[in-house]
Amino acid sequence: MNRRKFLHLFSCSCLVVGLHSCATAPITERKQLKLISEYKLNAQAKQIYEQIKKKEKMSEDLATLNQIKEIGKKMEDSIYEYFSRENLPDPTTGFEWEYILIDNKKVKNAWCMPGGKIAIYTGMLEITKNVNGLAAVMGHEIAHAVAKHSIERASRNVAINVVTQVTDVLSGGKLSTVNRTTGINTIGLLTKMGIVNPFNRKQEIEADYLGLIFASLSGYDIRETIKVWERMKEAKKGKAPPEFLSTHPSPENRKIKIASWINEVTLKYPPINLNN
């Protein structure tokens, strides 16, 4: 691609970025960059989810799976009702909610794919301990999907790649030279530490906040969230990397922020009576 054509495409890309950057996250109203089709990303997530269901061993603990589904249904309904009552667009429109419990006690994790595809690993149950702890974790993971964090991350990667390529062209290939000289993707590493990781930590903090709201709206005791992160910290036993190298805030910092939000969320987002 010649220089003129590349710069023309870059200017078009900048225009697209400008047109989409006015999107905002639900409730927090944080400005978001969205360049990727949500419909397409949800469809891809659905395919991957089906592959995971075939590859991983599903737990036979139907009682816990039903509890997960019950919590999920309460959150689905509460989220829909909240945005309906506030006369706001429902960010879960088009979601195809689904819940699985993966039989793997070594993995203390849970996740929610775009479109509401959720998985809990049995190892995470050692951290959640009870229904309120489970609701805290599920609220956080659901918040990622509701806030469209995957779309943001994919969009940011596109934007970073475009800017990096343009900078390399305008600098006469100096970025490529640095990478070849050092033998590692130096620019990619600096970008990860300086842009990607801090941005991902920001999303995690937002998911913590929104997760508290969704759990509270659904009638769960959000004070248990602090205990969940105390147990997570104990489980990690100091093995976590320094925060600046991680995509997640440290358990200790999460506890401090969550504790500061408890009273506000409890008062501002009380349980929704779905019978009204």
C-alpha atoms as a PDB file:
ATOM      1  CA  MET A   1       0.000   0.000   0.000  1.00  0.00           C
ATOM      2  CA  ASN A   2       1.465   3.380  -0.937  1.00  0.00           C
ATOM      3  CA  ARG A   3       1.808   6.203   1.571  1.00  0.00           C
ATOM      4  CA  ARG A   4      -0.985   8.380   0.121  1.00  0.00           C
ATOM      5  CA  LYS A   5      -3.533   5.559   0.058  1.00  0.00           C
ATOM      6  CA  PHE A   6      -2.616   4.512   3.591  1.00  0.00           C
ATOM      7  CA  LEU A   7      -3.030   8.024   4.955  1.00  0.00           C
ATOM      8  CA  HIS A   8      -6.380   8.292   3.185  1.00  0.00           C
ATOM      9  CA  LEU A   9      -7.581   5.100   4.844  1.00  0.00           C
ATOM     10  CA  PHE A  10      -6.281   6.354   8.186  1.00  0.00           C
ATOM     11  CA  SER A  11      -8.229   9.606   7.859  1.00  0.00           C
ATOM     12  CA  CYS A  12     -11.361   7.578   7.108  1.00  0.00           C
ATOM     13  CA  SER A  13     -10.686   5.430  10.155  1.00  0.00           C
ATOM     14  CA  CYS A  14     -10.358   8.537  12.303  1.00  0.00           C
ATOM     15  CA  LEU A  15     -13.723   9.723  11.020  1.00  0.00           C
ATOM     16  CA  VAL A  16     -15.312   6.420  11.987  1.00  0.00           C
ATOM     17  CA  VAL A  17     -13.729   6.636  15.443  1.00  0.00           C
ATOM     18  CA  GLY A  18     -15.133  10.141  15.852  1.00  0.00           C
ATOM     19  CA  LEU A  19     -18.617   9.073  14.800  1.00  0.00           C
ATOM     20  CA  HIS A  20     -18.740   6.196  17.276  1.00  0.00           C
ATOM     21  CA  SER A  21     -16.932   7.690  20.271  1.00  0.00           C
ATOM     22  CA  CYS A  22     -20.113   9.397  21.514  1.00  0.00           C
ATOM     23  CA  ALA A  23     -21.446   6.085  22.918  1.00  0.00           C
ATOM     24  CA  THR A  24     -21.628   5.809  26.713  1.00  0.00           C
ATOM     25  CA  ALA A  25     -21.666   2.966  29.223  1.00  0.00           C
ATOM     26  CA  PRO A  26     -25.008   2.355  30.961  1.00  0.00           C
ATOM     27  CA  ILE A  27     -25.491   4.017  34.371  1.00  0.00           C
ATOM     28  CA  THR A  28     -21.886   5.256  34.707  1.00  0.00           C
ATOM     29  CA  GLU A  29     -22.183   7.216  31.435  1.00  0.00           C
ATOM     30  CA  ARG A  30     -18.484   6.740  30.736  1.00  0.00           C
ATOM     31  CA  LYS A  31     -17.680   7.581  27.109  1.00  0.00           C
ATOM     32  CA  GLN A  32     -16.952   4.531  25.002  1.00  0.00           C
ATOM     33  CA  LEU A  33     -15.325   3.728  21.679  1.00  0.00           C
ATOM     34  CA  LYS A  34     -17.380   1.255  19.643  1.00  0.00           C
ATOM     35  CA  LEU A  35     -16.179   0.326  16.169  1.00  0.00           C
ATOM     36  CA  ILE A  36     -17.215  -3.339  16.191  1.00  0.00           C
ATOM     37  CA  SER A  37     -20.702  -4.670  15.441  1.00  0.00           C
ATOM     38  CA  GLU A  38     -22.371  -5.946  18.619  1.00  0.00           C
ATOM     39  CA  TYR A  39     -24.514  -8.342  16.600  1.00  0.00           C
ATOM     40  CA  LYS A  40     -21.443  -9.889  14.963  1.00  0.00           C
ATOM     41  CA  LEU A  41     -19.528 -10.137  18.248  1.00  0.00           C
ATOM     42  CA  ASN A  42     -22.506 -11.777  19.991  1.00  0.00           C
ATOM     43  CA  ALA A  43     -22.793 -14.311  17.173  1.00  0.00           C
ATOM     44  CA  GLN A  44     -19.090 -15.162  17.449  1.00  0.00           C
ATOM     45  CA  ALA A  45     -19.386 -15.475  21.239  1.00  0.00           C
ATOM     46  CA  LYS A  46     -22.320 -17.863  20.837  1.00  0.00           C
ATOM     47  CA  GLN A  47     -20.257 -20.137  18.578  1.00  0.00           C
ATOM     48  CA  ILE A  48     -17.313 -20.152  20.994  1.00  0.00           C
ATOM     49  CA  TYR A  49     -19.658 -20.850  23.916  1.00  0.00           C
ATOM     50  CA  GLU A  50     -21.036 -23.923  22.141  1.00  0.00           C
ATOM     51  CA  GLN A  51     -17.492 -25.162  21.548  1.00  0.00           C
ATOM     52  CA  ILE A  52     -16.652 -24.700  25.230  1.00  0.00           C
ATOM     53  CA  LYS A  53     -19.746 -26.663  26.248  1.00  0.00           C
ATOM     54  CA  LYS A  54     -18.514 -29.584  24.147  1.00  0.00           C
ATOM     55  CA  LYS A  55     -14.887 -29.338  25.241  1.00  0.00           C
ATOM     56  CA  GLU A  56     -15.271 -28.789  28.995  1.00  0.00           C
ATOM     57  CA  LYS A  57     -16.771 -31.208  31.495  1.00  0.00           C
ATOM     58  CA  MET A  58     -20.131 -29.962  32.723  1.00  0.00           C
ATOM     59  CA  SER A  59     -20.846 -30.317  36.441  1.00  0.00           C
ATOM     60  CA  GLU A  60     -23.515 -32.780  37.560  1.00  0.00           C
ATOM     61  CA  ASP A  61     -24.330 -30.556  40.547  1.00  0.00           C
ATOM     62  CA  LEU A  62     -27.796 -29.618  39.333  1.00  0.00           C
ATOM     63  CA  ALA A  63     -28.732 -27.925  42.622  1.00  0.00           C
ATOM     64  CA  THR A  64     -25.923 -25.377  42.237  1.00  0.00           C
ATOM     65  CA  LEU A  65     -26.585 -24.951  38.520  1.00  0.00           C
ATOM     66  CA  ASN A  66     -30.244 -24.233  39.270  1.00  0.00           C
ATOM     67  CA  GLN A  67     -29.168 -21.716  41.906  1.00  0.00           C
ATOM     68  CA  ILE A  68     -26.963 -20.025  39.309  1.00  0.00           C
ATOM     69  CA  LYS A  69     -29.859 -19.930  36.858  1.00  0.00           C
ATOM     70  CA  GLU A  70     -32.172 -18.506  39.527  1.00  0.00           C
ATOM     71  CA  ILE A  71     -29.729 -15.718  40.373  1.00  0.00           C
ATOM     72  CA  GLY A  72     -29.228 -15.057  36.668  1.00  0.00           C
ATOM     73  CA  LYS A  73     -32.958 -14.848  36.000  1.00  0.00           C
ATOM     74  CA  LYS A  74     -33.436 -12.381  38.853  1.00  0.00           C
ATOM     75  CA  MET A  75     -30.668 -10.213  37.436  1.00  0.00           C
ATOM     76  CA  GLU A  76     -32.031 -10.463  33.890  1.00  0.00           C
ATOM     77  CA  ASP A  77     -35.455  -9.304  35.056  1.00  0.00           C
ATOM     78  CA  SER A  78     -34.144  -6.622  37.417  1.00  0.00           C
ATOM     79  CA  ILE A  79     -31.837  -5.125  34.791  1.00  0.00           C
ATOM     80  CA  TYR A  80     -34.635  -5.025  32.226  1.00  0.00           C
ATOM     81  CA  GLU A  81     -37.052  -3.513  34.737  1.00  0.00           C
ATOM     82  CA  TYR A  82     -34.571  -0.889  35.943  1.00  0.00           C
ATOM     83  CA  PHE A  83     -33.888   0.474  32.472  1.00  0.00           C
ATOM     84  CA  SER A  84     -37.576   0.300  31.606  1.00  0.00           C
ATOM     85  CA  ARG A  85     -38.559   2.336  34.682  1.00  0.00           C
ATOM     86  CA  GLU A  86     -35.802   4.843  34.017  1.00  0.00           C
ATOM     87  CA  ASN A  87     -37.035   5.155  30.416  1.00  0.00           C
ATOM     88  CA  LEU A  88     -33.570   4.213  29.132  1.00  0.00           C
ATOM     89  CA  PRO A  89     -32.552   1.846  26.311  1.00  0.00           C
ATOM     90  CA  ASP A  90     -32.153  -1.707  27.607  1.00  0.00           C
ATOM     91  CA  PRO A  91     -28.505  -2.715  27.002  1.00  0.00           C
ATOM     92  CA  THR A  92     -29.483  -6.403  27.189  1.00  0.00           C
ATOM     93  CA  THR A  93     -31.768  -6.261  24.154  1.00  0.00           C
ATOM     94  CA  GLY A  94     -30.777  -9.131  21.877  1.00  0.00           C
ATOM     95  CA  PHE A  95     -29.115 -11.108  24.664  1.00  0.00           C
ATOM     96  CA  GLU A  96     -29.647 -14.878  24.668  1.00  0.00           C
ATOM     97  CA  TRP A  97     -28.961 -15.626  28.326  1.00  0.00           C
ATOM     98  CA  GLU A  98     -27.464 -19.005  29.163  1.00  0.00           C
ATOM     99  CA  TYR A  99     -25.683 -20.463  32.189  1.00  0.00           C
ATOM    100  CA  ILE A 100     -23.305 -23.397  32.610  1.00  0.00           C
ATOM    101  CA  LEU A 101     -21.349 -24.819  35.542  1.00  0.00           C
ATOM    102  CA  ILE A 102     -17.974 -26.242  34.492  1.00  0.00           C
ATOM    103  CA  ASP A 103     -16.560 -29.065  36.604  1.00  0.00           C
ATOM    104  CA  ASN A 104     -13.042 -27.824  37.336  1.00  0.00           C
ATOM    105  CA  LYS A 105     -12.098 -27.218  40.966  1.00  0.00           C
ATOM    106  CA  LYS A 106      -8.638 -25.930  40.040  1.00  0.00           C
ATOM    107  CA  VAL A 107     -10.058 -22.923  38.200  1.00  0.00           C
ATOM    108  CA  LYS A 108     -11.374 -20.177  40.442  1.00  0.00           C
ATOM    109  CA  ASN A 109     -13.037 -18.138  37.764  1.00  0.00           C
ATOM    110  CA  ALA A 110     -16.270 -17.091  36.103  1.00  0.00           C
ATOM    111  CA  TRP A 111     -17.014 -15.160  32.925  1.00  0.00           C
ATOM    112  CA  CYS A 112     -19.777 -13.731  30.806  1.00  0.00           C
ATOM    113  CA  MET A 113     -19.418 -13.544  27.043  1.00  0.00           C
ATOM    114  CA  PRO A 114     -21.059 -10.863  24.909  1.00  0.00           C
ATOM    115  CA  GLY A 115     -24.764 -11.579  24.583  1.00  0.00           C
ATOM    116  CA  GLY A 116     -25.191 -13.083  28.059  1.00  0.00           C
ATOM    117  CA  LYS A 117     -23.343 -16.414  27.774  1.00  0.00           C
ATOM    118  CA  ILE A 118     -22.183 -17.174  31.325  1.00  0.00           C
ATOM    119  CA  ALA A 119     -19.928 -19.828  32.854  1.00  0.00           C
ATOM    120  CA  ILE A 120     -19.003 -20.567  36.456  1.00  0.00           C
ATOM    121  CA  TYR A 121     -16.197 -22.979  37.355  1.00  0.00           C
ATOM    122  CA  THR A 122     -16.727 -25.206  40.395  1.00  0.00           C
ATOM    123  CA  GLY A 123     -13.441 -23.909  41.823  1.00  0.00           C
ATOM    124  CA  MET A 124     -15.060 -20.483  42.129  1.00  0.00           C
ATOM    125  CA  LEU A 125     -17.631 -21.900  44.546  1.00  0.00           C
ATOM    126  CA  GLU A 126     -14.855 -22.128  47.136  1.00  0.00           C
ATOM    127  CA  ILE A 127     -14.627 -18.333  46.902  1.00  0.00           C
ATOM    128  CA  THR A 128     -18.326 -17.432  46.689  1.00  0.00           C
ATOM    129  CA  LYS A 129     -19.355 -19.758  49.572  1.00  0.00           C
ATOM    130  CA  ASN A 130     -23.034 -18.717  49.566  1.00  0.00           C
ATOM    131  CA  VAL A 131     -25.847 -17.299  47.435  1.00  0.00           C
ATOM    132  CA  ASN A 132     -24.877 -13.660  48.090  1.00  0.00           C
ATOM    133  CA  GLY A 133     -21.256 -14.361  47.201  1.00  0.00           C
ATOM    134  CA  LEU A 134     -22.351 -16.107  44.027  1.00  0.00           C
ATOM    135  CA  ALA A 135     -24.607 -13.150  43.154  1.00  0.00           C
ATOM    136  CA  ALA A 136     -21.662 -10.789  43.689  1.00  0.00           C
ATOM    137  CA  VAL A 137     -19.495 -12.687  41.199  1.00  0.00           C
ATOM    138  CA  MET A 138     -22.300 -13.117  38.680  1.00  0.00           C
ATOM    139  CA  GLY A 139     -23.256  -9.450  38.944  1.00  0.00           C
ATOM    140  CA  HIS A 140     -19.676  -8.476  38.113  1.00  0.00           C
ATOM    141  CA  GLU A 141     -19.456 -10.811  35.117  1.00  0.00           C
ATOM    142  CA  ILE A 142     -22.887  -9.815  33.806  1.00  0.00           C
ATOM    143  CA  ALA A 143     -21.831  -6.176  34.137  1.00  0.00           C
ATOM    144  CA  HIS A 144     -19.036  -6.763  31.615  1.00  0.00           C
ATOM    145  CA  ALA A 145     -21.591  -7.873  29.029  1.00  0.00           C
ATOM    146  CA  VAL A 146     -24.131  -5.165  29.887  1.00  0.00           C
ATOM    147  CA  ALA A 147     -21.466  -2.457  29.606  1.00  0.00           C
ATOM    148  CA  LYS A 148     -20.264  -3.889  26.257  1.00  0.00           C
ATOM    149  CA  HIS A 149     -16.686  -4.176  27.483  1.00  0.00           C
ATOM    150  CA  SER A 150     -15.747  -6.782  24.863  1.00  0.00           C
ATOM    151  CA  ILE A 151     -16.863  -4.439  22.088  1.00  0.00           C
ATOM    152  CA  GLU A 152     -14.753  -1.673  23.600  1.00  0.00           C
ATOM    153  CA  ARG A 153     -11.668  -3.861  23.847  1.00  0.00           C
ATOM    154  CA  ALA A 154     -11.980  -5.085  20.286  1.00  0.00           C
ATOM    155  CA  SER A 155     -12.543  -1.521  19.072  1.00  0.00           C
ATOM    156  CA  ARG A 156      -9.569  -0.214  21.018  1.00  0.00           C
ATOM    157  CA  ASN A 157      -7.340  -2.905  19.525  1.00  0.00           C
ATOM    158  CA  VAL A 158      -8.421  -1.828  16.036  1.00  0.00           C
ATOM    159  CA  ALA A 159      -7.683   1.820  16.835  1.00  0.00           C
ATOM    160  CA  ILE A 160      -4.283   1.025  18.385  1.00  0.00           C
ATOM    161  CA  ASN A 161      -3.264  -1.101  15.391  1.00  0.00           C
ATOM    162  CA  VAL A 162      -4.207   1.669  12.957  1.00  0.00           C
ATOM    163  CA  VAL A 163      -2.337   4.340  14.912  1.00  0.00           C
ATOM    164  CA  THR A 164       0.721   2.102  15.287  1.00  0.00           C
ATOM    165  CA  GLN A 165       0.845   1.362  11.547  1.00  0.00           C
ATOM    166  CA  VAL A 166       0.422   5.027  10.624  1.00  0.00           C
ATOM    167  CA  THR A 167       3.130   6.085  13.076  1.00  0.00           C
ATOM    168  CA  ASP A 168       5.449   3.464  11.643  1.00  0.00           C
ATOM    169  CA  VAL A 169       4.823   4.758   8.092  1.00  0.00           C
ATOM    170  CA  LEU A 170       5.288   8.409   9.066  1.00  0.00           C
ATOM    171  CA  SER A 171       8.485   7.627  10.994  1.00  0.00           C
ATOM    172  CA  GLY A 172       9.981   5.802   8.032  1.00  0.00           C
ATOM    173  CA  GLY A 173       9.673   2.386   9.693  1.00  0.00           C
ATOM    174  CA  LYS A 174      11.427   3.325  12.954  1.00  0.00           C
ATOM    175  CA  LEU A 175       8.960   1.378  15.086  1.00  0.00           C
ATOM    176  CA  SER A 176       9.586  -1.765  13.051  1.00  0.00           C
ATOM    177  CA  THR A 177      13.332  -1.168  13.363  1.00  0.00           C
ATOM    178  CA  VAL A 178      13.064  -0.962  17.167  1.00  0.00           C
ATOM    179  CA  ASN A 179      11.182  -4.269  17.269  1.00  0.00           C
ATOM    180  CA  ARG A 180      13.736  -5.989  15.027  1.00  0.00           C
ATOM    181  CA  THR A 181      16.666  -4.578  16.990  1.00  0.00           C
ATOM    182  CA  THR A 182      15.358  -5.612  20.403  1.00  0.00           C
ATOM    183  CA  GLY A 183      13.995  -8.935  19.192  1.00  0.00           C
ATOM    184  CA  ILE A 184      10.681  -8.327  20.962  1.00  0.00           C
ATOM    185  CA  ASN A 185       7.562  -6.345  20.269  1.00  0.00           C
ATOM    186  CA  THR A 186       8.771  -3.389  22.333  1.00  0.00           C
ATOM    187  CA  ILE A 187       6.057  -1.038  21.118  1.00  0.00           C
ATOM    188  CA  GLY A 188       3.390  -3.657  21.781  1.00  0.00           C
ATOM    189  CA  LEU A 189       4.721  -4.198  25.300  1.00  0.00           C
ATOM    190  CA  LEU A 190       4.757  -0.474  26.082  1.00  0.00           C
ATOM    191  CA  THR A 191       1.265  -0.123  24.625  1.00  0.00           C
ATOM    192  CA  LYS A 192       0.033  -2.987  26.776  1.00  0.00           C
ATOM    193  CA  MET A 193       1.487  -1.542  29.978  1.00  0.00           C
ATOM    194  CA  GLY A 194       0.636   2.084  29.220  1.00  0.00           C
ATOM    195  CA  ILE A 195      -2.752   1.799  27.511  1.00  0.00           C
ATOM    196  CA  VAL A 196      -4.292  -1.666  27.419  1.00  0.00           C
ATOM    197  CA  ASN A 197      -3.737  -2.796  31.019  1.00  0.00           C
ATOM    198  CA  PRO A 198      -4.854   0.509  32.612  1.00  0.00           C
ATOM    199  CA  PHE A 199      -7.926   0.529  30.349  1.00  0.00           C
ATOM    200  CA  ASN A 200      -8.796  -3.068  31.245  1.00  0.00           C
ATOM    201  CA  ARG A 201      -8.419  -2.247  34.949  1.00  0.00           C
ATOM    202  CA  LYS A 202     -10.809   0.666  34.449  1.00  0.00           C
ATOM    203  CA  GLN A 203     -13.338  -1.738  32.951  1.00  0.00           C
ATOM    204  CA  GLU A 204     -12.901  -4.130  35.866  1.00  0.00           C
ATOM    205  CA  ILE A 205     -13.580  -1.346  38.345  1.00  0.00           C
ATOM    206  CA  GLU A 206     -16.659  -0.321  36.364  1.00  0.00           C
ATOM    207  CA  ALA A 207     -17.859  -3.941  36.375  1.00  0.00           C
ATOM    208  CA  ASP A 208     -17.349  -4.051  40.150  1.00  0.00           C
ATOM    209  CA  TYR A 209     -19.559  -0.979  40.543  1.00  0.00           C
ATOM    210  CA  LEU A 210     -22.253  -2.099  38.098  1.00  0.00           C
ATOM    211  CA  GLY A 211     -22.134  -5.606  39.547  1.00  0.00           C
ATOM    212  CA  LEU A 212     -22.969  -4.216  42.985  1.00  0.00           C
ATOM    213  CA  ILE A 213     -25.908  -2.352  41.464  1.00  0.00           C
ATOM    214  CA  PHE A 214     -27.267  -5.411  39.652  1.00  0.00           C
ATOM    215  CA  ALA A 215     -26.924  -7.593  42.756  1.00  0.00           C
ATOM    216  CA  SER A 216     -28.637  -4.946  44.886  1.00  0.00           C
ATOM    217  CA  LEU A 217     -31.477  -4.459  42.399  1.00  0.00           C
ATOM    218  CA  SER A 218     -31.965  -8.243  42.450  1.00  0.00           C
ATOM    219  CA  GLY A 219     -32.325  -8.343  46.232  1.00  0.00           C
ATOM    220  CA  TYR A 220     -28.970  -9.788  47.298  1.00  0.00           C
ATOM    221  CA  ASP A 221     -26.802  -8.653  50.214  1.00  0.00           C
ATOM    222  CA  ILE A 222     -23.961  -6.804  48.504  1.00  0.00           C
ATOM    223  CA  ARG A 223     -21.928  -6.584  51.725  1.00  0.00           C
ATOM    224  CA  GLU A 224     -20.831 -10.158  50.967  1.00  0.00           C
ATOM    225  CA  THR A 225     -18.855  -8.805  47.992  1.00  0.00           C
ATOM    226  CA  ILE A 226     -16.103  -7.560  50.310  1.00  0.00           C
ATOM    227  CA  LYS A 227     -15.786 -11.023  51.857  1.00  0.00           C
ATOM    228  CA  VAL A 228     -15.577 -12.557  48.378  1.00  0.00           C
ATOM    229  CA  TRP A 229     -12.507 -10.469  47.606  1.00  0.00           C
ATOM    230  CA  GLU A 230     -11.002 -11.260  51.001  1.00  0.00           C
ATOM    231  CA  ARG A 231     -11.324 -14.950  50.152  1.00  0.00           C
ATOM    232  CA  MET A 232      -9.932 -14.351  46.660  1.00  0.00           C
ATOM    233  CA  LYS A 233      -6.909 -12.573  48.109  1.00  0.00           C
ATOM    234  CA  GLU A 234      -6.320 -15.495  50.470  1.00  0.00           C
ATOM    235  CA  ALA A 235      -6.636 -17.979  47.601  1.00  0.00           C
ATOM    236  CA  LYS A 236      -4.021 -16.132  45.529  1.00  0.00           C
ATOM    237  CA  LYS A 237      -1.552 -16.222  48.454  1.00  0.00           C
ATOM    238  CA  GLY A 238       0.536 -13.385  47.098  1.00  0.00           C
ATOM    239  CA  LYS A 239       0.960 -14.970  43.657  1.00  0.00           C
ATOM    240  CA  ALA A 240      -0.701 -12.119  41.772  1.00  0.00           C
ATOM    241  CA  PRO A 241       1.595  -9.898  39.637  1.00  0.00           C
ATOM    242  CA  PRO A 242       2.061  -6.188  40.440  1.00  0.00           C
ATOM    243  CA  GLU A 243      -1.078  -4.281  39.501  1.00  0.00           C
ATOM    244  CA  PHE A 244       0.582  -2.271  36.694  1.00  0.00           C
ATOM    245  CA  LEU A 245       1.423  -5.557  34.943  1.00  0.00           C
ATOM    246  CA  SER A 246      -2.078  -6.914  35.357  1.00  0.00           C
ATOM    247  CA  THR A 247      -5.373  -6.417  33.537  1.00  0.00           C
ATOM    248  CA  HIS A 248      -7.140  -6.525  36.922  1.00  0.00           C
ATOM    249  CA  PRO A 249      -6.913  -4.325  40.021  1.00  0.00           C
ATOM    250  CA  SER A 250      -5.479  -6.020  43.100  1.00  0.00           C
ATOM    251  CA  PRO A 251      -8.000  -7.697  45.442  1.00  0.00           C
ATOM    252  CA  GLU A 252      -7.047  -5.208  48.166  1.00  0.00           C
ATOM    253  CA  ASN A 253      -7.758  -2.167  46.000  1.00  0.00           C
ATOM    254  CA  ARG A 254     -11.031  -3.710  44.866  1.00  0.00           C
ATOM    255  CA  LYS A 255     -12.089  -4.234  48.486  1.00  0.00           C
ATOM    256  CA  ILE A 256     -11.391  -0.579  49.322  1.00  0.00           C
ATOM    257  CA  LYS A 257     -13.414   0.737  46.376  1.00  0.00           C
ATOM    258  CA  ILE A 258     -16.295  -1.687  46.901  1.00  0.00           C
ATOM    259  CA  ALA A 259     -16.495  -0.786  50.598  1.00  0.00           C
ATOM    260  CA  SER A 260     -16.758   2.896  49.637  1.00  0.00           C
ATOM    261  CA  TRP A 261     -19.697   2.136  47.306  1.00  0.00           C
ATOM    262  CA  ILE A 262     -21.791  -0.144  49.531  1.00  0.00           C
ATOM    263  CA  ASN A 263     -23.927   2.517  51.258  1.00  0.00           C
ATOM    264  CA  GLU A 264     -24.455   4.568  48.083  1.00  0.00           C
ATOM    265  CA  VAL A 265     -25.550   1.557  46.033  1.00  0.00           C
ATOM    266  CA  THR A 266     -27.788   0.196  48.791  1.00  0.00           C
ATOM    267  CA  LEU A 267     -29.654   3.505  49.081  1.00  0.00           C
ATOM    268  CA  LYS A 268     -29.730   4.479  45.411  1.00  0.00           C
ATOM    269  CA  TYR A 269     -30.437   1.050  43.899  1.00  0.00           C
ATOM    270  CA  PRO A 270     -32.730  -0.846  46.309  1.00  0.00           C
ATOM    271  CA  PRO A 271     -34.250  -4.201  45.336  1.00  0.00           C
ATOM    272  CA  ILE A 272     -36.804  -3.943  42.541  1.00  0.00           C
ATOM    273  CA  ASN A 273     -40.242  -5.357  43.264  1.00  0.00           C
ATOM    274  CA  LEU A 274     -41.039  -7.110  40.008  1.00  0.00           C
ATOM    275  CA  ASN A 275     -44.665  -7.606  41.060  1.00  0.00           C
ATOM    276  CA  ASN A 276     -45.403  -3.877  40.795  1.00  0.00           C
END
